[in-house]
Amino acid sequence: MTFDTICEVLMSEQMNTLSTASISYNYNSIAHSLDTAHELMSRRYMHPWWRIEKFLNVGSERVLKKEISKFKLFVSNVITKRRLLITRRHVTSQDQSTHHLVLLRT
C-alpha cells in the first residue's frame, strides 16, 4: 500500500501491487525487489563481513546489487516515459501548455 502511494504521488505511476491482475505482475516484481533489498540492507547490521562480500560480489551482496539494478531500470524507464510524454505534449500543442500554466496561477 505504501509503495503504491509513493509511486503514484512521486512518479504518477499506478502500481496496483495489491491487485491480483496479471497486468500488475511486473510491478509486483519491482515491489518484491525493493522488499528483498530492504531486508538484505537490514542484515548488514548483523553481519560485519558484508563489506568483504560486497567487494567480492558474492552472497547476499550480489543479490542486493541485482535487486537494486532492477529498481534503477524501472525508475529510468518511468523517467524516459515521462520525458517522451512531456515532449509530445509540448510539440503537439503549446497553446494547451500555456492554458495549464494559466490554470495553475489562478
N, C-alpha and C. Protein backbone atom coordinates (compact mmCIF):
# COMPACT_ATOMS: atom_id res chain seq x y z
N MET A 1 0.82 -1.19 0.00
CA MET A 1 0.00 0.00 0.00
C MET A 1 0.87 1.26 0.00
N THR A 2 1.88 1.28 0.85
CA THR A 2 2.77 2.44 0.91
C THR A 2 3.53 2.60 -0.41
N PHE A 3 4.00 1.49 -0.94
CA PHE A 3 4.72 1.52 -2.21
C PHE A 3 3.83 2.07 -3.32
N ASP A 4 2.57 1.62 -3.36
CA ASP A 4 1.63 2.12 -4.36
C ASP A 4 1.45 3.63 -4.24
N THR A 5 1.27 4.10 -3.01
CA THR A 5 1.03 5.52 -2.78
C THR A 5 2.24 6.36 -3.16
N ILE A 6 3.41 5.92 -2.77
CA ILE A 6 4.64 6.68 -3.08
C ILE A 6 4.84 6.76 -4.59
N CYS A 7 4.66 5.65 -5.28
CA CYS A 7 4.86 5.66 -6.74
C CYS A 7 3.82 6.52 -7.44
N GLU A 8 2.60 6.52 -6.93
CA GLU A 8 1.56 7.33 -7.56
C GLU A 8 1.80 8.82 -7.33
N VAL A 9 2.26 9.18 -6.14
CA VAL A 9 2.48 10.59 -5.84
C VAL A 9 3.75 11.10 -6.51
N LEU A 10 4.84 10.37 -6.41
CA LEU A 10 6.12 10.85 -6.92
C LEU A 10 6.30 10.66 -8.42
N MET A 11 5.79 9.54 -8.95
CA MET A 11 6.04 9.24 -10.35
C MET A 11 4.79 9.20 -11.21
N SER A 12 3.64 9.48 -10.63
CA SER A 12 2.35 9.42 -11.33
C SER A 12 2.16 8.08 -12.03
N GLU A 13 2.60 7.05 -11.36
CA GLU A 13 2.54 5.69 -11.91
C GLU A 13 1.70 4.85 -10.96
N GLN A 14 0.59 4.29 -11.48
CA GLN A 14 -0.26 3.46 -10.64
C GLN A 14 0.28 2.03 -10.66
N MET A 15 0.72 1.57 -9.50
CA MET A 15 1.37 0.28 -9.41
C MET A 15 0.38 -0.87 -9.22
N ASN A 16 -0.63 -0.68 -8.39
CA ASN A 16 -1.63 -1.72 -8.10
C ASN A 16 -0.99 -3.03 -7.68
N THR A 17 -0.04 -2.97 -6.77
CA THR A 17 0.65 -4.19 -6.34
C THR A 17 -0.24 -5.09 -5.50
N LEU A 18 -1.30 -4.55 -4.93
CA LEU A 18 -2.22 -5.36 -4.14
C LEU A 18 -3.23 -6.08 -5.02
N SER A 19 -3.29 -5.73 -6.28
CA SER A 19 -4.21 -6.35 -7.22
C SER A 19 -3.69 -7.72 -7.63
N THR A 20 -4.61 -8.62 -7.94
CA THR A 20 -4.21 -9.95 -8.40
C THR A 20 -4.20 -10.04 -9.92
N ALA A 21 -4.44 -8.93 -10.58
CA ALA A 21 -4.47 -8.92 -12.05
C ALA A 21 -3.10 -9.21 -12.61
N SER A 22 -3.06 -9.86 -13.74
CA SER A 22 -1.78 -10.24 -14.35
C SER A 22 -1.01 -9.03 -14.86
N ILE A 23 -1.71 -7.92 -15.13
CA ILE A 23 -1.03 -6.74 -15.66
C ILE A 23 -0.09 -6.13 -14.63
N SER A 24 -0.36 -6.35 -13.36
CA SER A 24 0.48 -5.76 -12.32
C SER A 24 1.63 -6.69 -11.92
N TYR A 25 1.86 -7.77 -12.66
CA TYR A 25 2.93 -8.70 -12.31
C TYR A 25 4.29 -8.02 -12.31
N ASN A 26 4.57 -7.23 -13.33
CA ASN A 26 5.86 -6.53 -13.40
C ASN A 26 6.02 -5.60 -12.21
N TYR A 27 4.96 -4.91 -11.84
CA TYR A 27 5.03 -4.01 -10.70
C TYR A 27 5.22 -4.79 -9.40
N ASN A 28 4.60 -5.97 -9.31
CA ASN A 28 4.79 -6.79 -8.11
C ASN A 28 6.23 -7.26 -8.00
N SER A 29 6.87 -7.53 -9.14
CA SER A 29 8.27 -7.94 -9.09
C SER A 29 9.16 -6.79 -8.64
N ILE A 30 8.80 -5.56 -9.00
CA ILE A 30 9.55 -4.39 -8.53
C ILE A 30 9.38 -4.22 -7.04
N ALA A 31 8.15 -4.38 -6.56
CA ALA A 31 7.89 -4.28 -5.13
C ALA A 31 8.64 -5.38 -4.37
N HIS A 32 8.67 -6.58 -4.93
CA HIS A 32 9.40 -7.69 -4.31
C HIS A 32 10.90 -7.39 -4.29
N SER A 33 11.41 -6.80 -5.36
CA SER A 33 12.83 -6.44 -5.41
C SER A 33 13.18 -5.43 -4.31
N LEU A 34 12.31 -4.45 -4.11
CA LEU A 34 12.55 -3.46 -3.06
C LEU A 34 12.47 -4.09 -1.67
N ASP A 35 11.53 -5.00 -1.47
CA ASP A 35 11.43 -5.69 -0.18
C ASP A 35 12.69 -6.50 0.10
N THR A 36 13.15 -7.22 -0.91
CA THR A 36 14.36 -8.03 -0.77
C THR A 36 15.57 -7.15 -0.48
N ALA A 37 15.70 -6.05 -1.20
CA ALA A 37 16.82 -5.14 -0.99
C ALA A 37 16.79 -4.55 0.41
N HIS A 38 15.61 -4.19 0.88
CA HIS A 38 15.47 -3.64 2.23
C HIS A 38 15.88 -4.66 3.28
N GLU A 39 15.46 -5.89 3.09
CA GLU A 39 15.81 -6.95 4.04
C GLU A 39 17.33 -7.20 4.04
N LEU A 40 17.93 -7.25 2.87
CA LEU A 40 19.37 -7.50 2.78
C LEU A 40 20.17 -6.35 3.37
N MET A 41 19.71 -5.13 3.16
CA MET A 41 20.43 -3.99 3.74
C MET A 41 20.29 -3.97 5.26
N SER A 42 19.15 -4.43 5.76
CA SER A 42 18.97 -4.51 7.21
C SER A 42 19.88 -5.56 7.82
N ARG A 43 20.15 -6.62 7.10
CA ARG A 43 21.03 -7.68 7.61
C ARG A 43 22.48 -7.22 7.76
N ARG A 44 22.84 -6.14 7.11
CA ARG A 44 24.22 -5.65 7.20
C ARG A 44 24.60 -5.32 8.64
N TYR A 45 23.63 -4.92 9.45
CA TYR A 45 23.93 -4.58 10.84
C TYR A 45 24.34 -5.81 11.65
N MET A 46 23.88 -6.98 11.22
CA MET A 46 24.18 -8.21 11.95
C MET A 46 25.42 -8.93 11.42
N HIS A 47 25.82 -8.61 10.21
CA HIS A 47 26.94 -9.30 9.59
C HIS A 47 28.08 -8.31 9.32
N PRO A 48 29.14 -8.38 10.11
CA PRO A 48 30.23 -7.42 9.92
C PRO A 48 31.05 -7.66 8.65
N TRP A 49 30.90 -8.79 8.03
CA TRP A 49 31.70 -9.11 6.83
C TRP A 49 31.00 -8.72 5.52
N TRP A 50 29.96 -7.92 5.61
CA TRP A 50 29.24 -7.57 4.40
C TRP A 50 30.10 -6.79 3.42
N ARG A 51 31.05 -6.02 3.94
CA ARG A 51 31.91 -5.25 3.03
C ARG A 51 32.81 -6.16 2.19
N ILE A 52 33.24 -7.24 2.79
CA ILE A 52 34.05 -8.22 2.05
C ILE A 52 33.20 -8.86 0.96
N GLU A 53 31.96 -9.23 1.31
CA GLU A 53 31.05 -9.80 0.32
C GLU A 53 30.77 -8.81 -0.81
N LYS A 54 30.63 -7.54 -0.45
CA LYS A 54 30.38 -6.53 -1.47
C LYS A 54 31.59 -6.39 -2.38
N PHE A 55 32.77 -6.37 -1.82
CA PHE A 55 33.99 -6.24 -2.60
C PHE A 55 34.15 -7.43 -3.55
N LEU A 56 33.85 -8.64 -3.06
CA LEU A 56 33.99 -9.85 -3.87
C LEU A 56 32.76 -10.12 -4.74
N ASN A 57 31.68 -9.36 -4.51
CA ASN A 57 30.42 -9.54 -5.24
C ASN A 57 29.91 -10.98 -5.11
N VAL A 58 29.78 -11.42 -3.87
CA VAL A 58 29.28 -12.77 -3.59
C VAL A 58 28.18 -12.69 -2.53
N GLY A 59 27.44 -13.80 -2.40
CA GLY A 59 26.44 -13.93 -1.35
C GLY A 59 25.30 -12.94 -1.47
N SER A 60 24.88 -12.44 -0.31
CA SER A 60 23.73 -11.55 -0.27
C SER A 60 24.01 -10.21 -0.96
N GLU A 61 25.27 -9.80 -1.00
CA GLU A 61 25.60 -8.54 -1.66
C GLU A 61 25.41 -8.62 -3.17
N ARG A 62 25.63 -9.79 -3.73
CA ARG A 62 25.37 -10.00 -5.16
C ARG A 62 23.87 -9.89 -5.45
N VAL A 63 23.06 -10.51 -4.58
CA VAL A 63 21.61 -10.44 -4.74
C VAL A 63 21.13 -9.00 -4.56
N LEU A 64 21.69 -8.29 -3.57
CA LEU A 64 21.32 -6.90 -3.33
C LEU A 64 21.61 -6.04 -4.56
N LYS A 65 22.77 -6.24 -5.14
CA LYS A 65 23.14 -5.47 -6.33
C LYS A 65 22.17 -5.73 -7.48
N LYS A 66 21.76 -6.99 -7.64
CA LYS A 66 20.82 -7.35 -8.70
C LYS A 66 19.45 -6.72 -8.47
N GLU A 67 18.98 -6.75 -7.23
CA GLU A 67 17.66 -6.19 -6.91
C GLU A 67 17.65 -4.67 -7.08
N ILE A 68 18.71 -4.02 -6.67
CA ILE A 68 18.79 -2.56 -6.83
C ILE A 68 18.86 -2.19 -8.31
N SER A 69 19.56 -2.98 -9.10
CA SER A 69 19.64 -2.68 -10.54
C SER A 69 18.27 -2.83 -11.21
N LYS A 70 17.45 -3.78 -10.73
CA LYS A 70 16.09 -3.91 -11.27
C LYS A 70 15.29 -2.65 -11.00
N PHE A 71 15.39 -2.13 -9.78
CA PHE A 71 14.64 -0.92 -9.44
C PHE A 71 15.16 0.29 -10.21
N LYS A 72 16.47 0.40 -10.36
CA LYS A 72 17.03 1.51 -11.13
C LYS A 72 16.55 1.47 -12.58
N LEU A 73 16.48 0.28 -13.15
CA LEU A 73 15.98 0.14 -14.52
C LEU A 73 14.52 0.57 -14.60
N PHE A 74 13.72 0.16 -13.63
CA PHE A 74 12.31 0.55 -13.59
C PHE A 74 12.17 2.07 -13.53
N VAL A 75 12.91 2.71 -12.63
CA VAL A 75 12.83 4.17 -12.46
C VAL A 75 13.30 4.88 -13.73
N SER A 76 14.38 4.41 -14.34
CA SER A 76 14.85 5.05 -15.57
C SER A 76 13.83 4.90 -16.69
N ASN A 77 13.12 3.77 -16.74
CA ASN A 77 12.07 3.60 -17.75
C ASN A 77 10.91 4.56 -17.50
N VAL A 78 10.54 4.76 -16.24
CA VAL A 78 9.47 5.70 -15.91
C VAL A 78 9.88 7.12 -16.30
N ILE A 79 11.13 7.49 -16.00
CA ILE A 79 11.62 8.82 -16.33
C ILE A 79 11.63 9.02 -17.85
N THR A 80 12.10 8.04 -18.59
CA THR A 80 12.11 8.13 -20.05
C THR A 80 10.70 8.27 -20.60
N LYS A 81 9.78 7.49 -20.05
CA LYS A 81 8.39 7.56 -20.49
C LYS A 81 7.80 8.94 -20.22
N ARG A 82 8.08 9.50 -19.06
CA ARG A 82 7.57 10.84 -18.72
C ARG A 82 8.18 11.91 -19.62
N ARG A 83 9.46 11.80 -19.91
CA ARG A 83 10.10 12.78 -20.80
C ARG A 83 9.49 12.74 -22.19
N LEU A 84 9.24 11.55 -22.70
CA LEU A 84 8.61 11.43 -24.01
C LEU A 84 7.20 12.01 -23.99
N LEU A 85 6.47 11.75 -22.93
CA LEU A 85 5.11 12.28 -22.82
C LEU A 85 5.13 13.80 -22.77
N ILE A 86 6.03 14.39 -22.01
CA ILE A 86 6.14 15.84 -21.92
C ILE A 86 6.56 16.43 -23.26
N THR A 87 7.50 15.78 -23.93
CA THR A 87 7.95 16.26 -25.24
C THR A 87 6.81 16.23 -26.25
N ARG A 88 6.05 15.16 -26.26
CA ARG A 88 4.93 15.04 -27.19
C ARG A 88 3.88 16.11 -26.91
N ARG A 89 3.59 16.32 -25.65
CA ARG A 89 2.61 17.35 -25.30
C ARG A 89 3.10 18.73 -25.71
N HIS A 90 4.38 18.96 -25.52
CA HIS A 90 4.94 20.27 -25.86
C HIS A 90 4.93 20.51 -27.36
N VAL A 91 5.26 19.47 -28.11
CA VAL A 91 5.33 19.61 -29.57
C VAL A 91 3.93 19.72 -30.16
N THR A 92 2.99 18.93 -29.67
CA THR A 92 1.66 18.91 -30.29
C THR A 92 0.87 20.18 -30.06
N SER A 93 0.95 20.71 -28.85
CA SER A 93 0.17 21.93 -28.63
C SER A 93 0.81 22.78 -27.53
N GLN A 94 1.41 23.85 -27.94
CA GLN A 94 1.98 24.77 -26.97
C GLN A 94 0.88 25.62 -26.35
N ASP A 95 -0.24 25.76 -27.04
CA ASP A 95 -1.36 26.52 -26.51
C ASP A 95 -1.93 25.86 -25.26
N GLN A 96 -2.03 24.54 -25.28
CA GLN A 96 -2.57 23.84 -24.12
C GLN A 96 -1.65 23.95 -22.92
N SER A 97 -0.33 23.89 -23.14
CA SER A 97 0.58 24.02 -22.01
C SER A 97 0.48 25.41 -21.39
N THR A 98 0.26 26.42 -22.23
CA THR A 98 0.04 27.77 -21.72
C THR A 98 -1.26 27.82 -20.94
N HIS A 99 -2.27 27.11 -21.43
CA HIS A 99 -3.55 27.06 -20.75
C HIS A 99 -3.39 26.43 -19.36
N HIS A 100 -2.59 25.36 -19.26
CA HIS A 100 -2.34 24.72 -17.97
C HIS A 100 -1.62 25.67 -17.01
N LEU A 101 -0.71 26.45 -17.54
CA LEU A 101 0.00 27.40 -16.69
C LEU A 101 -0.96 28.46 -16.15
N VAL A 102 -1.87 28.89 -16.99
CA VAL A 102 -2.84 29.89 -16.55
C VAL A 102 -3.74 29.30 -15.46
N LEU A 103 -4.13 28.03 -15.63
CA LEU A 103 -4.97 27.40 -14.61
C LEU A 103 -4.23 27.24 -13.30
N LEU A 104 -2.95 26.99 -13.35
CA LEU A 104 -2.18 26.83 -12.12
C LEU A 104 -2.00 28.14 -11.38
N ARG A 105 -1.99 29.23 -12.10
CA ARG A 105 -1.77 30.53 -11.47
C ARG A 105 -3.02 31.06 -10.79
N THR A 106 -4.18 30.64 -11.24
CA THR A 106 -5.42 31.18 -10.66
C THR A 106 -5.86 30.45 -9.43
